[in-house]
PDB file of all heavy atoms in Angstrom:
ATOM      1  N   PRO A   1       0.811  -1.221   0.000  1.00  0.00           N
ATOM      2  CA  PRO A   1       0.000   0.000   0.000  1.00  0.00           C
ATOM      3  C   PRO A   1       0.845   1.272   0.000  1.00  0.00           C
ATOM      4  O   PRO A   1       0.328   2.360   0.172  1.00  0.00           O
ATOM      5  CB  PRO A   1      -0.781  -0.130   1.304  1.00  0.00           C
ATOM      6  CG  PRO A   1       0.158  -0.849   2.217  1.00  0.00           C
ATOM      7  CD  PRO A   1       0.945  -1.791   1.329  1.00  0.00           C
ATOM      8  N   SER A   2       2.159   1.173  -0.226  1.00  0.00           N
ATOM      9  CA  SER A   2       3.044   2.322  -0.061  1.00  0.00           C
ATOM     10  C   SER A   2       3.016   3.307  -1.225  1.00  0.00           C
ATOM     11  O   SER A   2       3.365   4.464  -1.054  1.00  0.00           O
ATOM     12  CB  SER A   2       4.487   1.856   0.164  1.00  0.00           C
ATOM     13  OG  SER A   2       4.951   1.158  -0.974  1.00  0.00           O
ATOM     14  N   GLY A   3       2.618   2.888  -2.410  1.00  0.00           N
ATOM     15  CA  GLY A   3       2.593   3.776  -3.568  1.00  0.00           C
ATOM     16  C   GLY A   3       1.302   4.560  -3.661  1.00  0.00           C
ATOM     17  O   GLY A   3       0.511   4.622  -2.718  1.00  0.00           O
ATOM     18  N   SER A   4       1.091   5.159  -4.808  1.00  0.00           N
ATOM     19  CA  SER A   4      -0.129   5.934  -5.014  1.00  0.00           C
ATOM     20  C   SER A   4      -1.349   5.035  -5.197  1.00  0.00           C
ATOM     21  O   SER A   4      -2.476   5.477  -5.040  1.00  0.00           O
ATOM     22  CB  SER A   4       0.028   6.847  -6.224  1.00  0.00           C
ATOM     23  OG  SER A   4       0.272   6.084  -7.395  1.00  0.00           O
ATOM     24  N   ALA A   5      -1.138   3.765  -5.537  1.00  0.00           N
ATOM     25  CA  ALA A   5      -2.222   2.793  -5.689  1.00  0.00           C
ATOM     26  C   ALA A   5      -1.808   1.496  -4.997  1.00  0.00           C
ATOM     27  O   ALA A   5      -0.643   1.114  -5.015  1.00  0.00           O
ATOM     28  CB  ALA A   5      -2.498   2.524  -7.163  1.00  0.00           C
ATOM     29  N   ILE A   6      -2.760   0.814  -4.380  1.00  0.00           N
ATOM     30  CA  ILE A   6      -2.470  -0.469  -3.724  1.00  0.00           C
ATOM     31  C   ILE A   6      -2.083  -1.489  -4.786  1.00  0.00           C
ATOM     32  O   ILE A   6      -2.741  -1.621  -5.809  1.00  0.00           O
ATOM     33  CB  ILE A   6      -3.682  -0.956  -2.922  1.00  0.00           C
ATOM     34  CG1 ILE A   6      -3.946  -0.018  -1.746  1.00  0.00           C
ATOM     35  CG2 ILE A   6      -3.466  -2.378  -2.423  1.00  0.00           C
ATOM     36  CD1 ILE A   6      -5.190  -0.360  -0.962  1.00  0.00           C
ATOM     37  N   GLU A   7      -0.994  -2.207  -4.521  1.00  0.00           N
ATOM     38  CA  GLU A   7      -0.508  -3.228  -5.455  1.00  0.00           C
ATOM     39  C   GLU A   7      -0.590  -4.595  -4.792  1.00  0.00           C
ATOM     40  O   GLU A   7      -0.147  -4.769  -3.667  1.00  0.00           O
ATOM     41  CB  GLU A   7       0.941  -2.956  -5.832  1.00  0.00           C
ATOM     42  CG  GLU A   7       1.546  -4.062  -6.693  1.00  0.00           C
ATOM     43  CD  GLU A   7       3.037  -3.869  -6.909  1.00  0.00           C
ATOM     44  OE1 GLU A   7       3.413  -2.942  -7.644  1.00  0.00           O
ATOM     45  OE2 GLU A   7       3.815  -4.636  -6.320  1.00  0.00           O
ATOM     46  N   PHE A   8      -1.173  -5.571  -5.513  1.00  0.00           N
ATOM     47  CA  PHE A   8      -1.150  -6.967  -5.120  1.00  0.00           C
ATOM     48  C   PHE A   8      -0.207  -7.661  -6.088  1.00  0.00           C
ATOM     49  O   PHE A   8      -0.291  -7.449  -7.301  1.00  0.00           O
ATOM     50  CB  PHE A   8      -2.533  -7.605  -5.253  1.00  0.00           C
ATOM     51  CG  PHE A   8      -3.522  -7.087  -4.272  1.00  0.00           C
ATOM     52  CD1 PHE A   8      -4.299  -5.979  -4.551  1.00  0.00           C
ATOM     53  CD2 PHE A   8      -3.683  -7.726  -3.052  1.00  0.00           C
ATOM     54  CE1 PHE A   8      -5.220  -5.504  -3.641  1.00  0.00           C
ATOM     55  CE2 PHE A   8      -4.604  -7.259  -2.133  1.00  0.00           C
ATOM     56  CZ  PHE A   8      -5.377  -6.145  -2.425  1.00  0.00           C
ATOM     57  N   SER A   9       0.685  -8.507  -5.575  1.00  0.00           N
ATOM     58  CA  SER A   9       1.603  -9.193  -6.485  1.00  0.00           C
ATOM     59  C   SER A   9       1.963 -10.570  -5.951  1.00  0.00           C
ATOM     60  O   SER A   9       1.857 -10.842  -4.759  1.00  0.00           O
ATOM     61  CB  SER A   9       2.879  -8.375  -6.683  1.00  0.00           C
ATOM     62  OG  SER A   9       3.569  -8.229  -5.461  1.00  0.00           O
ATOM     63  N   SER A  10       2.375 -11.420  -6.864  1.00  0.00           N
ATOM     64  CA  SER A  10       2.878 -12.735  -6.538  1.00  0.00           C
ATOM     65  C   SER A  10       3.927 -13.086  -7.576  1.00  0.00           C
ATOM     66  O   SER A  10       3.697 -12.922  -8.778  1.00  0.00           O
ATOM     67  CB  SER A  10       1.756 -13.771  -6.554  1.00  0.00           C
ATOM     68  OG  SER A  10       2.274 -15.050  -6.226  1.00  0.00           O
ATOM     69  N   LEU A  11       5.084 -13.516  -7.127  1.00  0.00           N
ATOM     70  CA  LEU A  11       6.176 -13.873  -8.019  1.00  0.00           C
ATOM     71  C   LEU A  11       6.496 -15.345  -7.840  1.00  0.00           C
ATOM     72  O   LEU A  11       6.480 -15.848  -6.716  1.00  0.00           O
ATOM     73  CB  LEU A  11       7.420 -13.029  -7.725  1.00  0.00           C
ATOM     74  CG  LEU A  11       7.210 -11.520  -7.738  1.00  0.00           C
ATOM     75  CD1 LEU A  11       8.480 -10.809  -7.293  1.00  0.00           C
ATOM     76  CD2 LEU A  11       6.787 -11.040  -9.104  1.00  0.00           C
ATOM     77  N   GLY A  12       6.781 -16.037  -8.933  1.00  0.00           N
ATOM     78  CA  GLY A  12       7.114 -17.447  -8.851  1.00  0.00           C
ATOM     79  C   GLY A  12       8.265 -17.790  -9.775  1.00  0.00           C
ATOM     80  O   GLY A  12       8.460 -17.151 -10.799  1.00  0.00           O
ATOM     81  N   TRP A  13       9.062 -18.777  -9.390  1.00  0.00           N
ATOM     82  CA  TRP A  13      10.163 -19.224 -10.229  1.00  0.00           C
ATOM     83  C   TRP A  13      10.564 -20.619  -9.793  1.00  0.00           C
ATOM     84  O   TRP A  13      10.244 -21.069  -8.707  1.00  0.00           O
ATOM     85  CB  TRP A  13      11.358 -18.275 -10.139  1.00  0.00           C
ATOM     86  CG  TRP A  13      11.940 -18.171  -8.767  1.00  0.00           C
ATOM     87  CD1 TRP A  13      12.965 -18.909  -8.234  1.00  0.00           C
ATOM     88  CD2 TRP A  13      11.504 -17.312  -7.717  1.00  0.00           C
ATOM     89  NE1 TRP A  13      13.192 -18.550  -6.932  1.00  0.00           N
ATOM     90  CE2 TRP A  13      12.308 -17.559  -6.586  1.00  0.00           C
ATOM     91  CE3 TRP A  13      10.521 -16.341  -7.619  1.00  0.00           C
ATOM     92  CZ2 TRP A  13      12.150 -16.892  -5.389  1.00  0.00           C
ATOM     93  CZ3 TRP A  13      10.368 -15.672  -6.416  1.00  0.00           C
ATOM     94  CH2 TRP A  13      11.175 -15.947  -5.334  1.00  0.00           C
ATOM     95  N   GLY A  14      11.246 -21.274 -10.667  1.00  0.00           N
ATOM     96  CA  GLY A  14      11.729 -22.614 -10.396  1.00  0.00           C
ATOM     97  C   GLY A  14      12.582 -23.062 -11.563  1.00  0.00           C
ATOM     98  O   GLY A  14      12.980 -22.261 -12.398  1.00  0.00           O
ATOM     99  N   VAL A  15      12.833 -24.341 -11.632  1.00  0.00           N
ATOM    100  CA  VAL A  15      13.640 -24.878 -12.713  1.00  0.00           C
ATOM    101  C   VAL A  15      12.861 -24.725 -14.010  1.00  0.00           C
ATOM    102  O   VAL A  15      11.809 -25.332 -14.195  1.00  0.00           O
ATOM    103  CB  VAL A  15      13.991 -26.360 -12.466  1.00  0.00           C
ATOM    104  CG1 VAL A  15      14.744 -26.936 -13.648  1.00  0.00           C
ATOM    105  CG2 VAL A  15      14.785 -26.505 -11.180  1.00  0.00           C
ATOM    106  N   GLY A  16      13.311 -23.837 -14.871  1.00  0.00           N
ATOM    107  CA  GLY A  16      12.717 -23.698 -16.183  1.00  0.00           C
ATOM    108  C   GLY A  16      11.533 -22.755 -16.313  1.00  0.00           C
ATOM    109  O   GLY A  16      10.860 -22.776 -17.338  1.00  0.00           O
ATOM    110  N   PHE A  17      11.238 -21.922 -15.327  1.00  0.00           N
ATOM    111  CA  PHE A  17      10.126 -20.983 -15.506  1.00  0.00           C
ATOM    112  C   PHE A  17      10.262 -19.787 -14.567  1.00  0.00           C
ATOM    113  O   PHE A  17      10.987 -19.828 -13.574  1.00  0.00           O
ATOM    114  CB  PHE A  17       8.776 -21.652 -15.256  1.00  0.00           C
ATOM    115  CG  PHE A  17       8.432 -21.814 -13.795  1.00  0.00           C
ATOM    116  CD1 PHE A  17       7.666 -20.863 -13.147  1.00  0.00           C
ATOM    117  CD2 PHE A  17       8.887 -22.910 -13.074  1.00  0.00           C
ATOM    118  CE1 PHE A  17       7.354 -20.998 -11.797  1.00  0.00           C
ATOM    119  CE2 PHE A  17       8.570 -23.046 -11.735  1.00  0.00           C
ATOM    120  CZ  PHE A  17       7.805 -22.095 -11.100  1.00  0.00           C
ATOM    121  N   GLN A  18       9.565 -18.725 -14.908  1.00  0.00           N
ATOM    122  CA  GLN A  18       9.344 -17.570 -14.036  1.00  0.00           C
ATOM    123  C   GLN A  18       7.913 -17.111 -14.262  1.00  0.00           C
ATOM    124  O   GLN A  18       7.383 -17.252 -15.363  1.00  0.00           O
ATOM    125  CB  GLN A  18      10.283 -16.416 -14.354  1.00  0.00           C
ATOM    126  CG  GLN A  18      11.666 -16.562 -13.805  1.00  0.00           C
ATOM    127  CD  GLN A  18      12.490 -15.292 -13.978  1.00  0.00           C
ATOM    128  OE1 GLN A  18      12.234 -14.469 -14.838  1.00  0.00           O
ATOM    129  NE2 GLN A  18      13.494 -15.148 -13.143  1.00  0.00           N
ATOM    130  N   SER A  19       7.305 -16.555 -13.222  1.00  0.00           N
ATOM    131  CA  SER A  19       5.956 -16.022 -13.373  1.00  0.00           C
ATOM    132  C   SER A  19       5.785 -14.796 -12.489  1.00  0.00           C
ATOM    133  O   SER A  19       6.538 -14.578 -11.542  1.00  0.00           O
ATOM    134  CB  SER A  19       4.906 -17.069 -13.004  1.00  0.00           C
ATOM    135  OG  SER A  19       5.025 -17.415 -11.644  1.00  0.00           O
ATOM    136  N   MET A  20       4.783 -13.993 -12.851  1.00  0.00           N
ATOM    137  CA  MET A  20       4.539 -12.749 -12.133  1.00  0.00           C
ATOM    138  C   MET A  20       3.063 -12.399 -12.281  1.00  0.00           C
ATOM    139  O   MET A  20       2.536 -12.403 -13.390  1.00  0.00           O
ATOM    140  CB  MET A  20       5.415 -11.660 -12.751  1.00  0.00           C
ATOM    141  CG  MET A  20       5.374 -10.334 -12.117  1.00  0.00           C
ATOM    142  SD  MET A  20       6.637  -9.313 -12.939  1.00  0.00           S
ATOM    143  CE  MET A  20       6.339  -7.777 -12.132  1.00  0.00           C
ATOM    144  N   ILE A  21       2.408 -12.141 -11.169  1.00  0.00           N
ATOM    145  CA  ILE A  21       1.020 -11.688 -11.169  1.00  0.00           C
ATOM    146  C   ILE A  21       0.996 -10.357 -10.423  1.00  0.00           C
ATOM    147  O   ILE A  21       1.483 -10.276  -9.298  1.00  0.00           O
ATOM    148  CB  ILE A  21       0.092 -12.689 -10.456  1.00  0.00           C
ATOM    149  CG1 ILE A  21       0.144 -14.045 -11.141  1.00  0.00           C
ATOM    150  CG2 ILE A  21      -1.326 -12.157 -10.384  1.00  0.00           C
ATOM    151  CD1 ILE A  21      -0.529 -15.150 -10.359  1.00  0.00           C
ATOM    152  N   VAL A  22       0.473  -9.327 -11.061  1.00  0.00           N
ATOM    153  CA  VAL A  22       0.402  -8.009 -10.433  1.00  0.00           C
ATOM    154  C   VAL A  22      -0.966  -7.406 -10.740  1.00  0.00           C
ATOM    155  O   VAL A  22      -1.451  -7.506 -11.867  1.00  0.00           O
ATOM    156  CB  VAL A  22       1.504  -7.065 -10.953  1.00  0.00           C
ATOM    157  CG1 VAL A  22       1.434  -5.720 -10.262  1.00  0.00           C
ATOM    158  CG2 VAL A  22       2.874  -7.678 -10.752  1.00  0.00           C
ATOM    159  N   ALA A  23      -1.582  -6.779  -9.731  1.00  0.00           N
ATOM    160  CA  ALA A  23      -2.876  -6.125  -9.934  1.00  0.00           C
ATOM    161  C   ALA A  23      -2.939  -4.832  -9.142  1.00  0.00           C
ATOM    162  O   ALA A  23      -2.427  -4.749  -8.025  1.00  0.00           O
ATOM    163  CB  ALA A  23      -4.008  -7.046  -9.503  1.00  0.00           C
ATOM    164  N   TYR A  24      -3.569  -3.844  -9.751  1.00  0.00           N
ATOM    165  CA  TYR A  24      -3.863  -2.564  -9.117  1.00  0.00           C
ATOM    166  C   TYR A  24      -5.372  -2.377  -9.168  1.00  0.00           C
ATOM    167  O   TYR A  24      -5.903  -1.838 -10.139  1.00  0.00           O
ATOM    168  CB  TYR A  24      -3.162  -1.424  -9.856  1.00  0.00           C
ATOM    169  CG  TYR A  24      -1.662  -1.503  -9.814  1.00  0.00           C
ATOM    170  CD1 TYR A  24      -0.948  -2.156 -10.808  1.00  0.00           C
ATOM    171  CD2 TYR A  24      -0.957  -0.927  -8.767  1.00  0.00           C
ATOM    172  CE1 TYR A  24       0.429  -2.232 -10.761  1.00  0.00           C
ATOM    173  CE2 TYR A  24       0.417  -0.998  -8.714  1.00  0.00           C
ATOM    174  CZ  TYR A  24       1.107  -1.653  -9.714  1.00  0.00           C
ATOM    175  OH  TYR A  24       2.479  -1.727  -9.670  1.00  0.00           O
TER     176      TYR A  24
END
């Protein structure tokens, strides 16, 4: 909640992949 808009995020990684989910 520190920016001008609340951010929800989830980051994932492992052998052979990366992922990112972000929402405002």
